[in-house]
Amino acid sequence: MNDRPPTSVACIRCGWTIDRFEEEGLVGCESCYESLGPELVTALKRPDHQNSDGKALQASPQPTDLVS
């Protein structure tokens, strides 16, 4: 997909990463906006991030339990 190396930046609450955001177009929880803020802004500015219906960022409907 992209030629960038994976990043270790993750949400402090749910563990969602910027790489996962770029794959799915979603964030895992409301804390992602603060934890991933600068990376989200950078990702959203890239033209290749827009999906076919124009939605670039939305909250996940269910929090993801990455701890279990």
C-alpha atoms as a PDB file:
ATOM      1  CA  MET A   1       0.000   0.000   0.000  1.00  0.00           C
ATOM      2  CA  ASN A   2       2.424   2.673   1.146  1.00  0.00           C
ATOM      3  CA  ASP A   3       6.205   2.749   1.206  1.00  0.00           C
ATOM      4  CA  ARG A   4       6.526   4.299   4.646  1.00  0.00           C
ATOM      5  CA  PRO A   5       7.898   2.235   7.533  1.00  0.00           C
ATOM      6  CA  PRO A   6       5.410   1.255  10.274  1.00  0.00           C
ATOM      7  CA  THR A   7       5.128   3.683  13.166  1.00  0.00           C
ATOM      8  CA  SER A   8       4.913   2.918  16.858  1.00  0.00           C
ATOM      9  CA  VAL A   9       2.662   5.878  17.711  1.00  0.00           C
ATOM     10  CA  ALA A  10      -0.484   4.530  19.380  1.00  0.00           C
ATOM     11  CA  CYS A  11      -3.467   5.866  21.304  1.00  0.00           C
ATOM     12  CA  ILE A  12      -2.852   5.858  25.047  1.00  0.00           C
ATOM     13  CA  ARG A  13      -6.374   4.562  25.730  1.00  0.00           C
ATOM     14  CA  CYS A  14      -7.173   1.958  23.065  1.00  0.00           C
ATOM     15  CA  GLY A  15      -3.837   1.277  21.356  1.00  0.00           C
ATOM     16  CA  TRP A  16      -5.060   2.270  17.876  1.00  0.00           C
ATOM     17  CA  THR A  17      -2.148   3.198  15.622  1.00  0.00           C
ATOM     18  CA  ILE A  18      -1.814   5.702  12.819  1.00  0.00           C
ATOM     19  CA  ASP A  19      -1.088   2.786  10.480  1.00  0.00           C
ATOM     20  CA  ARG A  20      -4.403   1.189  11.403  1.00  0.00           C
ATOM     21  CA  PHE A  21      -6.144   4.536  10.894  1.00  0.00           C
ATOM     22  CA  GLU A  22      -4.656   4.744   7.423  1.00  0.00           C
ATOM     23  CA  GLU A  23      -5.758   1.182   6.605  1.00  0.00           C
ATOM     24  CA  GLU A  24      -9.310   1.460   7.949  1.00  0.00           C
ATOM     25  CA  GLY A  25     -10.048   5.191   7.874  1.00  0.00           C
ATOM     26  CA  LEU A  26     -11.303   5.058  11.457  1.00  0.00           C
ATOM     27  CA  VAL A  27     -10.017   5.895  14.898  1.00  0.00           C
ATOM     28  CA  GLY A  28     -10.587   3.548  17.818  1.00  0.00           C
ATOM     29  CA  CYS A  29     -11.893   5.995  20.441  1.00  0.00           C
ATOM     30  CA  GLU A  30     -12.216   9.672  21.282  1.00  0.00           C
ATOM     31  CA  SER A  31      -8.736   9.681  22.869  1.00  0.00           C
ATOM     32  CA  CYS A  32      -7.188   8.863  19.490  1.00  0.00           C
ATOM     33  CA  TYR A  33      -7.733  12.457  18.387  1.00  0.00           C
ATOM     34  CA  GLU A  34      -5.478  13.712  21.179  1.00  0.00           C
ATOM     35  CA  SER A  35      -2.955  10.855  21.161  1.00  0.00           C
ATOM     36  CA  LEU A  36      -2.562  10.724  17.382  1.00  0.00           C
ATOM     37  CA  GLY A  37      -3.328  14.389  16.689  1.00  0.00           C
ATOM     38  CA  PRO A  38      -0.275  15.504  14.676  1.00  0.00           C
ATOM     39  CA  GLU A  39      -0.080  12.189  12.821  1.00  0.00           C
ATOM     40  CA  LEU A  40      -3.808  12.353  11.978  1.00  0.00           C
ATOM     41  CA  VAL A  41      -3.405  15.852  10.562  1.00  0.00           C
ATOM     42  CA  THR A  42      -0.501  14.701   8.399  1.00  0.00           C
ATOM     43  CA  ALA A  43      -2.400  11.616   7.211  1.00  0.00           C
ATOM     44  CA  LEU A  44      -5.511  13.633   6.390  1.00  0.00           C
ATOM     45  CA  LYS A  45      -3.534  16.117   4.314  1.00  0.00           C
ATOM     46  CA  ARG A  46      -2.299  13.362   1.980  1.00  0.00           C
ATOM     47  CA  PRO A  47      -4.544  13.050  -1.084  1.00  0.00           C
ATOM     48  CA  ASP A  48      -4.195   9.249  -1.123  1.00  0.00           C
ATOM     49  CA  HIS A  49      -5.998   9.012   2.229  1.00  0.00           C
ATOM     50  CA  GLN A  50      -9.427  10.043   0.936  1.00  0.00           C
ATOM     51  CA  ASN A  51     -11.719   7.080   0.371  1.00  0.00           C
ATOM     52  CA  SER A  52     -14.287   6.812  -2.414  1.00  0.00           C
ATOM     53  CA  ASP A  53     -17.133   8.441  -0.494  1.00  0.00           C
ATOM     54  CA  GLY A  54     -14.980  11.349   0.711  1.00  0.00           C
ATOM     55  CA  LYS A  55     -14.985  10.343   4.386  1.00  0.00           C
ATOM     56  CA  ALA A  56     -11.530  10.724   5.812  1.00  0.00           C
ATOM     57  CA  LEU A  57     -12.079  10.462   9.551  1.00  0.00           C
ATOM     58  CA  GLN A  58     -14.768   9.019  11.769  1.00  0.00           C
ATOM     59  CA  ALA A  59     -14.969   7.388  15.164  1.00  0.00           C
ATOM     60  CA  SER A  60     -15.247   3.627  15.411  1.00  0.00           C
ATOM     61  CA  PRO A  61     -18.806   2.632  16.413  1.00  0.00           C
ATOM     62  CA  GLN A  62     -17.538   0.185  19.058  1.00  0.00           C
ATOM     63  CA  PRO A  63     -14.382   0.623  21.145  1.00  0.00           C
ATOM     64  CA  THR A  64     -11.804  -1.998  20.282  1.00  0.00           C
ATOM     65  CA  ASP A  65     -10.516  -4.075  23.195  1.00  0.00           C
ATOM     66  CA  LEU A  66      -6.849  -4.538  22.321  1.00  0.00           C
ATOM     67  CA  VAL A  67      -5.850  -5.490  25.860  1.00  0.00           C
ATOM     68  CA  SER A  68      -7.593  -8.853  26.224  1.00  0.00           C
END
